[in-house]
Amino acid sequence: MFPCNRSLTSTMISALRVIRSNRVVVSGQLQRCLSTQTDGEVRIAKILREKFPSASSLKVVDISGGCGAMYEIHIESSEFKGKRTVQQHQLVNQALKDEIQGMHGLRIFTEIPKH
């Protein structure tokens, strides 16, 4: 065990404030507050936009704290019409088959537009 040094430099204190202000705990999970996306979120969203061009809503969130190990995807597309939930999720999994290889987990939420 390392000894605890109780005095922090002003630089360390500032860094801790930035880290704290950039994160928030929601439903027991650590999530980012800023609107910036990680590279993984951008990459996955691009793939899904190409695969589901009629998607009316798409949200990709790295729920692993930014390391890219686990993502949550919310996608609403008319392409899911007439398909059971498991089939909708299979379509998303198929679109991300290469990306999934490096993931620890994936949460998928699909919807059909109401209008």
PDB file of N, CA and C in Angstrom:
ATOM      1  N   MET A   1       0.831  -1.174   0.000  1.00  0.00           N
ATOM      2  CA  MET A   1       0.000   0.000   0.000  1.00  0.00           C
ATOM      3  C   MET A   1       0.877   1.238   0.000  1.00  0.00           C
ATOM      4  N   PHE A   2       0.519   2.230  -0.827  1.00  0.00           N
ATOM      5  CA  PHE A   2       1.277   3.460  -0.883  1.00  0.00           C
ATOM      6  C   PHE A   2       0.844   4.397   0.224  1.00  0.00           C
ATOM      7  N   PRO A   3       1.784   5.147   0.780  1.00  0.00           N
ATOM      8  CA  PRO A   3       1.394   6.105   1.810  1.00  0.00           C
ATOM      9  C   PRO A   3       0.541   7.211   1.196  1.00  0.00           C
ATOM     10  N   CYS A   4      -0.379   7.714   1.963  1.00  0.00           N
ATOM     11  CA  CYS A   4      -1.287   8.746   1.485  1.00  0.00           C
ATOM     12  C   CYS A   4      -0.691  10.117   1.745  1.00  0.00           C
ATOM     13  N   ASN A   5      -0.525  10.875   0.701  1.00  0.00           N
ATOM     14  CA  ASN A   5      -0.039  12.243   0.836  1.00  0.00           C
ATOM     15  C   ASN A   5      -1.259  13.157   0.857  1.00  0.00           C
ATOM     16  N   ARG A   6      -1.514  13.808   1.964  1.00  0.00           N
ATOM     17  CA  ARG A   6      -2.730  14.588   2.138  1.00  0.00           C
ATOM     18  C   ARG A   6      -2.691  15.957   1.463  1.00  0.00           C
ATOM     19  N   SER A   7      -1.525  16.420   1.076  1.00  0.00           N
ATOM     20  CA  SER A   7      -1.490  17.737   0.438  1.00  0.00           C
ATOM     21  C   SER A   7      -1.483  17.571  -1.078  1.00  0.00           C
ATOM     22  N   LEU A   8      -2.364  18.302  -1.718  1.00  0.00           N
ATOM     23  CA  LEU A   8      -2.461  18.271  -3.170  1.00  0.00           C
ATOM     24  C   LEU A   8      -2.003  19.599  -3.740  1.00  0.00           C
ATOM     25  N   THR A   9      -1.328  19.547  -4.841  1.00  0.00           N
ATOM     26  CA  THR A   9      -0.926  20.791  -5.482  1.00  0.00           C
ATOM     27  C   THR A   9      -2.137  21.433  -6.130  1.00  0.00           C
ATOM     28  N   SER A  10      -2.042  22.709  -6.433  1.00  0.00           N
ATOM     29  CA  SER A  10      -3.166  23.410  -7.061  1.00  0.00           C
ATOM     30  C   SER A  10      -3.483  22.829  -8.428  1.00  0.00           C
ATOM     31  N   THR A  11      -2.459  22.338  -9.137  1.00  0.00           N
ATOM     32  CA  THR A  11      -2.687  21.708 -10.445  1.00  0.00           C
ATOM     33  C   THR A  11      -3.509  20.439 -10.293  1.00  0.00           C
ATOM     34  N   MET A  12      -3.196  19.632  -9.304  1.00  0.00           N
ATOM     35  CA  MET A  12      -3.936  18.393  -9.071  1.00  0.00           C
ATOM     36  C   MET A  12      -5.376  18.700  -8.672  1.00  0.00           C
ATOM     37  N   ILE A  13      -5.565  19.707  -7.856  1.00  0.00           N
ATOM     38  CA  ILE A  13      -6.910  20.083  -7.431  1.00  0.00           C
ATOM     39  C   ILE A  13      -7.723  20.545  -8.632  1.00  0.00           C
ATOM     40  N   SER A  14      -7.114  21.353  -9.497  1.00  0.00           N
ATOM     41  CA  SER A  14      -7.803  21.816 -10.706  1.00  0.00           C
ATOM     42  C   SER A  14      -8.178  20.647 -11.601  1.00  0.00           C
ATOM     43  N   ALA A  15      -7.258  19.707 -11.753  1.00  0.00           N
ATOM     44  CA  ALA A  15      -7.530  18.532 -12.589  1.00  0.00           C
ATOM     45  C   ALA A  15      -8.694  17.728 -12.023  1.00  0.00           C
ATOM     46  N   LEU A  16      -8.730  17.552 -10.721  1.00  0.00           N
ATOM     47  CA  LEU A  16      -9.820  16.816 -10.088  1.00  0.00           C
ATOM     48  C   LEU A  16     -11.154  17.530 -10.286  1.00  0.00           C
ATOM     49  N   ARG A  17     -11.157  18.836 -10.217  1.00  0.00           N
ATOM     50  CA  ARG A  17     -12.394  19.595 -10.451  1.00  0.00           C
ATOM     51  C   ARG A  17     -12.904  19.385 -11.870  1.00  0.00           C
ATOM     52  N   VAL A  18     -12.001  19.387 -12.837  1.00  0.00           N
ATOM     53  CA  VAL A  18     -12.398  19.174 -14.229  1.00  0.00           C
ATOM     54  C   VAL A  18     -12.976  17.779 -14.397  1.00  0.00           C
ATOM     55  N   ILE A  19     -12.304  16.800 -13.827  1.00  0.00           N
ATOM     56  CA  ILE A  19     -12.794  15.421 -13.935  1.00  0.00           C
ATOM     57  C   ILE A  19     -14.174  15.307 -13.294  1.00  0.00           C
ATOM     58  N   ARG A  20     -14.330  15.853 -12.102  1.00  0.00           N
ATOM     59  CA  ARG A  20     -15.613  15.787 -11.412  1.00  0.00           C
ATOM     60  C   ARG A  20     -16.704  16.501 -12.194  1.00  0.00           C
ATOM     61  N   SER A  21     -16.389  17.642 -12.769  1.00  0.00           N
ATOM     62  CA  SER A  21     -17.412  18.406 -13.472  1.00  0.00           C
ATOM     63  C   SER A  21     -17.773  17.791 -14.820  1.00  0.00           C
ATOM     64  N   ASN A  22     -16.927  16.921 -15.324  1.00  0.00           N
ATOM     65  CA  ASN A  22     -17.168  16.290 -16.622  1.00  0.00           C
ATOM     66  C   ASN A  22     -17.932  14.981 -16.485  1.00  0.00           C
ATOM     67  N   ARG A  23     -18.190  14.542 -15.297  1.00  0.00           N
ATOM     68  CA  ARG A  23     -18.846  13.262 -15.072  1.00  0.00           C
ATOM     69  C   ARG A  23     -20.003  13.425 -14.100  1.00  0.00           C
ATOM     70  N   VAL A  24     -21.005  12.571 -14.250  1.00  0.00           N
ATOM     71  CA  VAL A  24     -22.139  12.583 -13.333  1.00  0.00           C
ATOM     72  C   VAL A  24     -22.626  11.144 -13.174  1.00  0.00           C
ATOM     73  N   VAL A  25     -23.110  10.802 -12.010  1.00  0.00           N
ATOM     74  CA  VAL A  25     -23.644   9.471 -11.779  1.00  0.00           C
ATOM     75  C   VAL A  25     -25.147   9.510 -12.008  1.00  0.00           C
ATOM     76  N   VAL A  26     -25.629   8.691 -12.950  1.00  0.00           N
ATOM     77  CA  VAL A  26     -27.046   8.596 -13.260  1.00  0.00           C
ATOM     78  C   VAL A  26     -27.441   7.135 -13.131  1.00  0.00           C
ATOM     79  N   SER A  27     -28.413   6.857 -12.305  1.00  0.00           N
ATOM     80  CA  SER A  27     -28.881   5.487 -12.068  1.00  0.00           C
ATOM     81  C   SER A  27     -27.722   4.552 -11.731  1.00  0.00           C
ATOM     82  N   GLY A  28     -26.795   5.040 -10.933  1.00  0.00           N
ATOM     83  CA  GLY A  28     -25.684   4.211 -10.496  1.00  0.00           C
ATOM     84  C   GLY A  28     -24.579   4.052 -11.519  1.00  0.00           C
ATOM     85  N   GLN A  29     -24.656   4.760 -12.651  1.00  0.00           N
ATOM     86  CA  GLN A  29     -23.626   4.647 -13.679  1.00  0.00           C
ATOM     87  C   GLN A  29     -22.963   5.988 -13.911  1.00  0.00           C
ATOM     88  N   LEU A  30     -21.662   5.957 -14.143  1.00  0.00           N
ATOM     89  CA  LEU A  30     -20.898   7.152 -14.423  1.00  0.00           C
ATOM     90  C   LEU A  30     -21.081   7.532 -15.880  1.00  0.00           C
ATOM     91  N   GLN A  31     -21.500   8.772 -16.140  1.00  0.00           N
ATOM     92  CA  GLN A  31     -21.706   9.225 -17.512  1.00  0.00           C
ATOM     93  C   GLN A  31     -21.100  10.607 -17.698  1.00  0.00           C
ATOM     94  N   ARG A  32     -20.738  10.931 -18.951  1.00  0.00           N
ATOM     95  CA  ARG A  32     -20.186  12.239 -19.268  1.00  0.00           C
ATOM     96  C   ARG A  32     -21.294  13.285 -19.320  1.00  0.00           C
ATOM     97  N   CYS A  33     -20.971  14.503 -18.935  1.00  0.00           N
ATOM     98  CA  CYS A  33     -21.921  15.608 -19.001  1.00  0.00           C
ATOM     99  C   CYS A  33     -21.769  16.404 -20.285  1.00  0.00           C
ATOM    100  N   LEU A  34     -20.570  16.469 -20.814  1.00  0.00           N
ATOM    101  CA  LEU A  34     -20.310  17.292 -21.984  1.00  0.00           C
ATOM    102  C   LEU A  34     -20.941  16.680 -23.220  1.00  0.00           C
ATOM    103  N   SER A  35     -21.181  17.519 -24.217  1.00  0.00           N
ATOM    104  CA  SER A  35     -21.846  17.054 -25.430  1.00  0.00           C
ATOM    105  C   SER A  35     -20.877  16.446 -26.436  1.00  0.00           C
ATOM    106  N   THR A  36     -19.596  16.444 -26.147  1.00  0.00           N
ATOM    107  CA  THR A  36     -18.633  15.870 -27.079  1.00  0.00           C
ATOM    108  C   THR A  36     -18.775  14.361 -27.122  1.00  0.00           C
ATOM    109  N   GLN A  37     -18.546  13.799 -28.297  1.00  0.00           N
ATOM    110  CA  GLN A  37     -18.646  12.356 -28.462  1.00  0.00           C
ATOM    111  C   GLN A  37     -17.260  11.752 -28.537  1.00  0.00           C
ATOM    112  N   THR A  38     -17.145  10.509 -28.085  1.00  0.00           N
ATOM    113  CA  THR A  38     -15.882   9.791 -28.221  1.00  0.00           C
ATOM    114  C   THR A  38     -15.734   9.341 -29.671  1.00  0.00           C
ATOM    115  N   ASP A  39     -14.527   8.950 -30.045  1.00  0.00           N
ATOM    116  CA  ASP A  39     -14.289   8.448 -31.402  1.00  0.00           C
ATOM    117  C   ASP A  39     -15.147   7.225 -31.681  1.00  0.00           C
ATOM    118  N   GLY A  40     -15.295   6.364 -30.682  1.00  0.00           N
ATOM    119  CA  GLY A  40     -16.109   5.158 -30.838  1.00  0.00           C
ATOM    120  C   GLY A  40     -17.570   5.487 -31.077  1.00  0.00           C
ATOM    121  N   GLU A  41     -18.096   6.455 -30.345  1.00  0.00           N
ATOM    122  CA  GLU A  41     -19.493   6.872 -30.532  1.00  0.00           C
ATOM    123  C   GLU A  41     -19.711   7.409 -31.942  1.00  0.00           C
ATOM    124  N   VAL A  42     -18.777   8.224 -32.407  1.00  0.00           N
ATOM    125  CA  VAL A  42     -18.876   8.795 -33.757  1.00  0.00           C
ATOM    126  C   VAL A  42     -18.811   7.692 -34.813  1.00  0.00           C
ATOM    127  N   ARG A  43     -17.874   6.774 -34.651  1.00  0.00           N
ATOM    128  CA  ARG A  43     -17.693   5.668 -35.608  1.00  0.00           C
ATOM    129  C   ARG A  43     -18.941   4.781 -35.678  1.00  0.00           C
ATOM    130  N   ILE A  44     -19.487   4.423 -34.532  1.00  0.00           N
ATOM    131  CA  ILE A  44     -20.672   3.561 -34.485  1.00  0.00           C
ATOM    132  C   ILE A  44     -21.883   4.284 -35.065  1.00  0.00           C
ATOM    133  N   ALA A  45     -22.051   5.554 -34.733  1.00  0.00           N
ATOM    134  CA  ALA A  45     -23.172   6.327 -35.270  1.00  0.00           C
ATOM    135  C   ALA A  45     -23.080   6.421 -36.790  1.00  0.00           C
ATOM    136  N   LYS A  46     -21.887   6.611 -37.318  1.00  0.00           N
ATOM    137  CA  LYS A  46     -21.694   6.699 -38.778  1.00  0.00           C
ATOM    138  C   LYS A  46     -22.100   5.394 -39.457  1.00  0.00           C
ATOM    139  N   ILE A  47     -21.694   4.279 -38.885  1.00  0.00           N
ATOM    140  CA  ILE A  47     -22.045   2.966 -39.435  1.00  0.00           C
ATOM    141  C   ILE A  47     -23.558   2.774 -39.422  1.00  0.00           C
ATOM    142  N   LEU A  48     -24.185   3.120 -38.314  1.00  0.00           N
ATOM    143  CA  LEU A  48     -25.633   2.941 -38.197  1.00  0.00           C
ATOM    144  C   LEU A  48     -26.408   3.881 -39.116  1.00  0.00           C
ATOM    145  N   ARG A  49     -25.909   5.113 -39.311  1.00  0.00           N
ATOM    146  CA  ARG A  49     -26.570   6.036 -40.240  1.00  0.00           C
ATOM    147  C   ARG A  49     -26.507   5.502 -41.671  1.00  0.00           C
ATOM    148  N   GLU A  50     -25.382   4.869 -42.014  1.00  0.00           N
ATOM    149  CA  GLU A  50     -25.238   4.290 -43.357  1.00  0.00           C
ATOM    150  C   GLU A  50     -26.143   3.070 -43.530  1.00  0.00           C
ATOM    151  N   LYS A  51     -26.239   2.252 -42.511  1.00  0.00           N
ATOM    152  CA  LYS A  51     -27.040   1.031 -42.574  1.00  0.00           C
ATOM    153  C   LYS A  51     -28.536   1.320 -42.474  1.00  0.00           C
ATOM    154  N   PHE A  52     -28.904   2.332 -41.699  1.00  0.00           N
ATOM    155  CA  PHE A  52     -30.310   2.684 -41.493  1.00  0.00           C
ATOM    156  C   PHE A  52     -30.523   4.147 -41.909  1.00  0.00           C
ATOM    157  N   PRO A  53     -30.498   4.417 -43.218  1.00  0.00           N
ATOM    158  CA  PRO A  53     -30.601   5.804 -43.680  1.00  0.00           C
ATOM    159  C   PRO A  53     -31.934   6.478 -43.340  1.00  0.00           C
ATOM    160  N   SER A  54     -32.978   5.707 -43.097  1.00  0.00           N
ATOM    161  CA  SER A  54     -34.267   6.311 -42.755  1.00  0.00           C
ATOM    162  C   SER A  54     -34.467   6.454 -41.249  1.00  0.00           C
ATOM    163  N   ALA A  55     -33.416   6.272 -40.473  1.00  0.00           N
ATOM    164  CA  ALA A  55     -33.526   6.411 -39.013  1.00  0.00           C
ATOM    165  C   ALA A  55     -33.917   7.839 -38.661  1.00  0.00           C
ATOM    166  N   SER A  56     -34.997   7.979 -37.904  1.00  0.00           N
ATOM    167  CA  SER A  56     -35.455   9.308 -37.506  1.00  0.00           C
ATOM    168  C   SER A  56     -34.794   9.770 -36.215  1.00  0.00           C
ATOM    169  N   SER A  57     -34.191   8.837 -35.490  1.00  0.00           N
ATOM    170  CA  SER A  57     -33.508   9.160 -34.243  1.00  0.00           C
ATOM    171  C   SER A  57     -32.392   8.144 -34.015  1.00  0.00           C
ATOM    172  N   LEU A  58     -31.226   8.640 -33.609  1.00  0.00           N
ATOM    173  CA  LEU A  58     -30.087   7.760 -33.330  1.00  0.00           C
ATOM    174  C   LEU A  58     -29.248   8.378 -32.228  1.00  0.00           C
ATOM    175  N   LYS A  59     -28.975   7.590 -31.205  1.00  0.00           N
ATOM    176  CA  LYS A  59     -28.133   8.043 -30.101  1.00  0.00           C
ATOM    177  C   LYS A  59     -27.199   6.902 -29.720  1.00  0.00           C
ATOM    178  N   VAL A  60     -25.904   7.176 -29.701  1.00  0.00           N
ATOM    179  CA  VAL A  60     -24.891   6.200 -29.315  1.00  0.00           C
ATOM    180  C   VAL A  60     -24.132   6.777 -28.130  1.00  0.00           C
ATOM    181  N   VAL A  61     -24.068   6.018 -27.036  1.00  0.00           N
ATOM    182  CA  VAL A  61     -23.405   6.493 -25.823  1.00  0.00           C
ATOM    183  C   VAL A  61     -22.435   5.430 -25.325  1.00  0.00           C
ATOM    184  N   ASP A  62     -21.197   5.855 -25.078  1.00  0.00           N
ATOM    185  CA  ASP A  62     -20.195   4.977 -24.477  1.00  0.00           C
ATOM    186  C   ASP A  62     -20.493   4.937 -22.979  1.00  0.00           C
ATOM    187  N   ILE A  63     -21.003   3.815 -22.495  1.00  0.00           N
ATOM    188  CA  ILE A  63     -21.371   3.710 -21.078  1.00  0.00           C
ATOM    189  C   ILE A  63     -20.285   3.041 -20.244  1.00  0.00           C
ATOM    190  N   SER A  64     -19.092   2.925 -20.845  1.00  0.00           N
ATOM    191  CA  SER A  64     -17.969   2.334 -20.113  1.00  0.00           C
ATOM    192  C   SER A  64     -17.046   3.415 -19.565  1.00  0.00           C
ATOM    193  N   GLY A  65     -17.522   4.649 -19.540  1.00  0.00           N
ATOM    194  CA  GLY A  65     -16.698   5.725 -19.017  1.00  0.00           C
ATOM    195  C   GLY A  65     -15.740   6.296 -20.046  1.00  0.00           C
ATOM    196  N   GLY A  66     -15.948   5.986 -21.303  1.00  0.00           N
ATOM    197  CA  GLY A  66     -15.110   6.547 -22.363  1.00  0.00           C
ATOM    198  C   GLY A  66     -14.060   5.616 -22.922  1.00  0.00           C
ATOM    199  N   CYS A  67     -13.964   4.400 -22.401  1.00  0.00           N
ATOM    200  CA  CYS A  67     -12.910   3.492 -22.879  1.00  0.00           C
ATOM    201  C   CYS A  67     -13.347   2.648 -24.079  1.00  0.00           C
ATOM    202  N   GLY A  68     -14.622   2.685 -24.447  1.00  0.00           N
ATOM    203  CA  GLY A  68     -15.079   1.968 -25.629  1.00  0.00           C
ATOM    204  C   GLY A  68     -15.408   0.505 -25.421  1.00  0.00           C
ATOM    205  N   ALA A  69     -15.532   0.075 -24.177  1.00  0.00           N
ATOM    206  CA  ALA A  69     -15.805  -1.335 -23.903  1.00  0.00           C
ATOM    207  C   ALA A  69     -17.289  -1.672 -23.968  1.00  0.00           C
ATOM    208  N   MET A  70     -18.160  -0.675 -23.727  1.00  0.00           N
ATOM    209  CA  MET A  70     -19.594  -0.950 -23.722  1.00  0.00           C
ATOM    210  C   MET A  70     -20.363   0.280 -24.210  1.00  0.00           C
ATOM    211  N   TYR A  71     -21.344   0.023 -25.065  1.00  0.00           N
ATOM    212  CA  TYR A  71     -22.125   1.103 -25.647  1.00  0.00           C
ATOM    213  C   TYR A  71     -23.614   0.858 -25.437  1.00  0.00           C
ATOM    214  N   GLU A  72     -24.351   1.963 -25.462  1.00  0.00           N
ATOM    215  CA  GLU A  72     -25.806   1.911 -25.441  1.00  0.00           C
ATOM    216  C   GLU A  72     -26.281   2.622 -26.701  1.00  0.00           C
ATOM    217  N   ILE A  73     -27.158   1.956 -27.452  1.00  0.00           N
ATOM    218  CA  ILE A  73     -27.648   2.489 -28.715  1.00  0.00           C
ATOM    219  C   ILE A  73     -29.160   2.605 -28.657  1.00  0.00           C
ATOM    220  N   HIS A  74     -29.653   3.784 -29.019  1.00  0.00           N
ATOM    221  CA  HIS A  74     -31.089   4.028 -29.166  1.00  0.00           C
ATOM    222  C   HIS A  74     -31.291   4.409 -30.622  1.00  0.00           C
ATOM    223  N   ILE A  75     -32.101   3.634 -31.328  1.00  0.00           N
ATOM    224  CA  ILE A  75     -32.330   3.918 -32.741  1.00  0.00           C
ATOM    225  C   ILE A  75     -33.805   3.734 -33.078  1.00  0.00           C
ATOM    226  N   GLU A  76     -34.341   4.714 -33.781  1.00  0.00           N
ATOM    227  CA  GLU A  76     -35.728   4.675 -34.229  1.00  0.00           C
ATOM    228  C   GLU A  76     -35.708   4.721 -35.751  1.00  0.00           C
ATOM    229  N   SER A  77     -36.264   3.678 -36.382  1.00  0.00           N
ATOM    230  CA  SER A  77     -36.230   3.604 -37.837  1.00  0.00           C
ATOM    231  C   SER A  77     -37.450   2.874 -38.380  1.00  0.00           C
ATOM    232  N   SER A  78     -37.948   3.361 -39.494  1.00  0.00           N
ATOM    233  CA  SER A  78     -39.074   2.696 -40.154  1.00  0.00           C
ATOM    234  C   SER A  78     -38.656   1.353 -40.740  1.00  0.00           C
ATOM    235  N   GLU A  79     -37.358   1.134 -40.866  1.00  0.00           N
ATOM    236  CA  GLU A  79     -36.849  -0.150 -41.371  1.00  0.00           C
ATOM    237  C   GLU A  79     -37.131  -1.307 -40.412  1.00  0.00           C
ATOM    238  N   PHE A  80     -37.516  -0.989 -39.185  1.00  0.00           N
ATOM    239  CA  PHE A  80     -37.849  -2.023 -38.202  1.00  0.00           C
ATOM    240  C   PHE A  80     -39.317  -2.434 -38.271  1.00  0.00           C
ATOM    241  N   LYS A  81     -40.101  -1.719 -39.058  1.00  0.00           N
ATOM    242  CA  LYS A  81     -41.540  -1.989 -39.143  1.00  0.00           C
ATOM    243  C   LYS A  81     -41.788  -3.432 -39.601  1.00  0.00           C
ATOM    244  N   GLY A  82     -42.699  -4.116 -38.875  1.00  0.00           N
ATOM    245  CA  GLY A  82     -43.051  -5.492 -39.209  1.00  0.00           C
ATOM    246  C   GLY A  82     -42.084  -6.527 -38.663  1.00  0.00           C
ATOM    247  N   LYS A  83     -41.058  -6.095 -37.949  1.00  0.00           N
ATOM    248  CA  LYS A  83     -40.068  -7.020 -37.380  1.00  0.00           C
ATOM    249  C   LYS A  83     -40.222  -7.077 -35.864  1.00  0.00           C
ATOM    250  N   ARG A  84     -40.031  -8.263 -35.320  1.00  0.00           N
ATOM    251  CA  ARG A  84     -40.044  -8.419 -33.862  1.00  0.00           C
ATOM    252  C   ARG A  84     -38.793  -7.760 -33.283  1.00  0.00           C
ATOM    253  N   THR A  85     -38.834  -7.467 -31.993  1.00  0.00           N
ATOM    254  CA  THR A  85     -37.710  -6.798 -31.334  1.00  0.00           C
ATOM    255  C   THR A  85     -36.403  -7.547 -31.549  1.00  0.00           C
ATOM    256  N   VAL A  86     -36.433  -8.863 -31.410  1.00  0.00           N
ATOM    257  CA  VAL A  86     -35.197  -9.637 -31.578  1.00  0.00           C
ATOM    258  C   VAL A  86     -34.650  -9.485 -33.001  1.00  0.00           C
ATOM    259  N   GLN A  87     -35.521  -9.405 -33.988  1.00  0.00           N
ATOM    260  CA  GLN A  87     -35.082  -9.218 -35.372  1.00  0.00           C
ATOM    261  C   GLN A  87     -34.494  -7.818 -35.571  1.00  0.00           C
ATOM    262  N   GLN A  88     -35.092  -6.822 -34.925  1.00  0.00           N
ATOM    263  CA  GLN A  88     -34.561  -5.463 -34.993  1.00  0.00           C
ATOM    264  C   GLN A  88     -33.152  -5.411 -34.409  1.00  0.00           C
ATOM    265  N   HIS A  89     -32.970  -6.067 -33.272  1.00  0.00           N
ATOM    266  CA  HIS A  89     -31.670  -6.085 -32.616  1.00  0.00           C
ATOM    267  C   HIS A  89     -30.649  -6.861 -33.454  1.00  0.00           C
ATOM    268  N   GLN A  90     -31.092  -7.914 -34.124  1.00  0.00           N
ATOM    269  CA  GLN A  90     -30.196  -8.669 -35.001  1.00  0.00           C
ATOM    270  C   GLN A  90     -29.700  -7.801 -36.144  1.00  0.00           C
ATOM    271  N   LEU A  91     -30.564  -6.934 -36.681  1.00  0.00           N
ATOM    272  CA  LEU A  91     -30.151  -6.025 -37.752  1.00  0.00           C
ATOM    273  C   LEU A  91     -29.059  -5.062 -37.265  1.00  0.00           C
ATOM    274  N   VAL A  92     -29.223  -4.548 -36.058  1.00  0.00           N
ATOM    275  CA  VAL A  92     -28.218  -3.643 -35.489  1.00  0.00           C
ATOM    276  C   VAL A  92     -26.924  -4.407 -35.236  1.00  0.00           C
ATOM    277  N   ASN A  93     -27.024  -5.594 -34.655  1.00  0.00           N
ATOM    278  CA  ASN A  93     -25.831  -6.418 -34.414  1.00  0.00           C
ATOM    279  C   ASN A  93     -25.098  -6.725 -35.713  1.00  0.00           C
ATOM    280  N   GLN A  94     -25.834  -7.052 -36.756  1.00  0.00           N
ATOM    281  CA  GLN A  94     -25.230  -7.366 -38.051  1.00  0.00           C
ATOM    282  C   GLN A  94     -24.492  -6.146 -38.611  1.00  0.00           C
ATOM    283  N   ALA A  95     -25.103  -4.978 -38.473  1.00  0.00           N
ATOM    284  CA  ALA A  95     -24.475  -3.748 -38.967  1.00  0.00           C
ATOM    285  C   ALA A  95     -23.167  -3.457 -38.228  1.00  0.00           C
ATOM    286  N   LEU A  96     -23.101  -3.859 -36.958  1.00  0.00           N
ATOM    287  CA  LEU A  96     -21.929  -3.567 -36.127  1.00  0.00           C
ATOM    288  C   LEU A  96     -21.037  -4.779 -35.884  1.00  0.00           C
ATOM    289  N   LYS A  97     -21.166  -5.809 -36.708  1.00  0.00           N
ATOM    290  CA  LYS A  97     -20.460  -7.067 -36.440  1.00  0.00           C
ATOM    291  C   LYS A  97     -18.947  -6.883 -36.273  1.00  0.00           C
ATOM    292  N   ASP A  98     -18.330  -6.021 -37.056  1.00  0.00           N
ATOM    293  CA  ASP A  98     -16.885  -5.802 -36.916  1.00  0.00           C
ATOM    294  C   ASP A  98     -16.551  -5.024 -35.654  1.00  0.00           C
ATOM    295  N   GLU A  99     -17.387  -4.052 -35.317  1.00  0.00           N
ATOM    296  CA  GLU A  99     -17.159  -3.230 -34.122  1.00  0.00           C
ATOM    297  C   GLU A  99     -17.361  -4.038 -32.841  1.00  0.00           C
ATOM    298  N   ILE A 100     -18.316  -4.943 -32.858  1.00  0.00           N
ATOM    299  CA  ILE A 100     -18.661  -5.720 -31.671  1.00  0.00           C
ATOM    300  C   ILE A 100     -17.495  -6.588 -31.193  1.00  0.00           C
ATOM    301  N   GLN A 101     -16.628  -6.956 -32.108  1.00  0.00           N
ATOM    302  CA  GLN A 101     -15.482  -7.820 -31.752  1.00  0.00           C
ATOM    303  C   GLN A 101     -14.651  -7.227 -30.610  1.00  0.00           C
ATOM    304  N   GLY A 102     -14.530  -5.907 -30.572  1.00  0.00           N
ATOM    305  CA  GLY A 102     -13.710  -5.267 -29.545  1.00  0.00           C
ATOM    306  C   GLY A 102     -14.486  -4.768 -28.340  1.00  0.00           C
ATOM    307  N   MET A 103     -15.769  -5.086 -28.276  1.00  0.00           N
ATOM    308  CA  MET A 103     -16.607  -4.593 -27.176  1.00  0.00           C
ATOM    309  C   MET A 103     -16.777  -5.644 -26.087  1.00  0.00           C
ATOM    310  N   HIS A 104     -17.059  -5.150 -24.906  1.00  0.00           N
ATOM    311  CA  HIS A 104     -17.390  -6.032 -23.788  1.00  0.00           C
ATOM    312  C   HIS A 104     -18.899  -6.247 -23.727  1.00  0.00           C
ATOM    313  N   GLY A 105     -19.661  -5.230 -24.136  1.00  0.00           N
ATOM    314  CA  GLY A 105     -21.117  -5.340 -24.082  1.00  0.00           C
ATOM    315  C   GLY A 105     -21.783  -4.278 -24.929  1.00  0.00           C
ATOM    316  N   LEU A 106     -23.063  -4.516 -25.215  1.00  0.00           N
ATOM    317  CA  LEU A 106     -23.828  -3.609 -26.057  1.00  0.00           C
ATOM    318  C   LEU A 106     -25.289  -3.653 -25.625  1.00  0.00           C
ATOM    319  N   ARG A 107     -25.861  -2.494 -25.357  1.00  0.00           N
ATOM    320  CA  ARG A 107     -27.290  -2.383 -25.050  1.00  0.00           C
ATOM    321  C   ARG A 107     -27.963  -1.765 -26.266  1.00  0.00           C
ATOM    322  N   ILE A 108     -29.008  -2.404 -26.737  1.00  0.00           N
ATOM    323  CA  ILE A 108     -29.704  -1.912 -27.926  1.00  0.00           C
ATOM    324  C   ILE A 108     -31.167  -1.644 -27.588  1.00  0.00           C
ATOM    325  N   PHE A 109     -31.625  -0.463 -27.968  1.00  0.00           N
ATOM    326  CA  PHE A 109     -33.029  -0.082 -27.812  1.00  0.00           C
ATOM    327  C   PHE A 109     -33.511   0.366 -29.189  1.00  0.00           C
ATOM    328  N   THR A 110     -34.473  -0.345 -29.744  1.00  0.00           N
ATOM    329  CA  THR A 110     -34.990  -0.015 -31.072  1.00  0.00           C
ATOM    330  C   THR A 110     -36.463   0.385 -30.968  1.00  0.00           C
ATOM    331  N   GLU A 111     -36.863   1.266 -31.877  1.00  0.00           N
ATOM    332  CA  GLU A 111     -38.253   1.708 -31.942  1.00  0.00           C
ATOM    333  C   GLU A 111     -38.651   1.938 -33.390  1.00  0.00           C
ATOM    334  N   ILE A 112     -39.947   1.861 -33.607  1.00  0.00           N
ATOM    335  CA  ILE A 112     -40.527   2.180 -34.910  1.00  0.00           C
ATOM    336  C   ILE A 112     -41.172   3.556 -34.748  1.00  0.00           C
ATOM    337  N   PRO A 113     -40.962   4.478 -35.700  1.00  0.00           N
ATOM    338  CA  PRO A 113     -41.591   5.803 -35.575  1.00  0.00           C
ATOM    339  C   PRO A 113     -43.099   5.696 -35.438  1.00  0.00           C
ATOM    340  N   LYS A 114     -43.673   6.507 -34.607  1.00  0.00           N
ATOM    341  CA  LYS A 114     -45.102   6.459 -34.311  1.00  0.00           C
ATOM    342  C   LYS A 114     -45.940   7.127 -35.398  1.00  0.00           C
ATOM    343  N   HIS A 115     -45.351   8.009 -36.182  1.00  0.00           N
ATOM    344  CA  HIS A 115     -46.105   8.749 -37.205  1.00  0.00           C
ATOM    345  C   HIS A 115     -45.960   8.156 -38.573  1.00  0.00           C
TER     346      HIS A 115
END
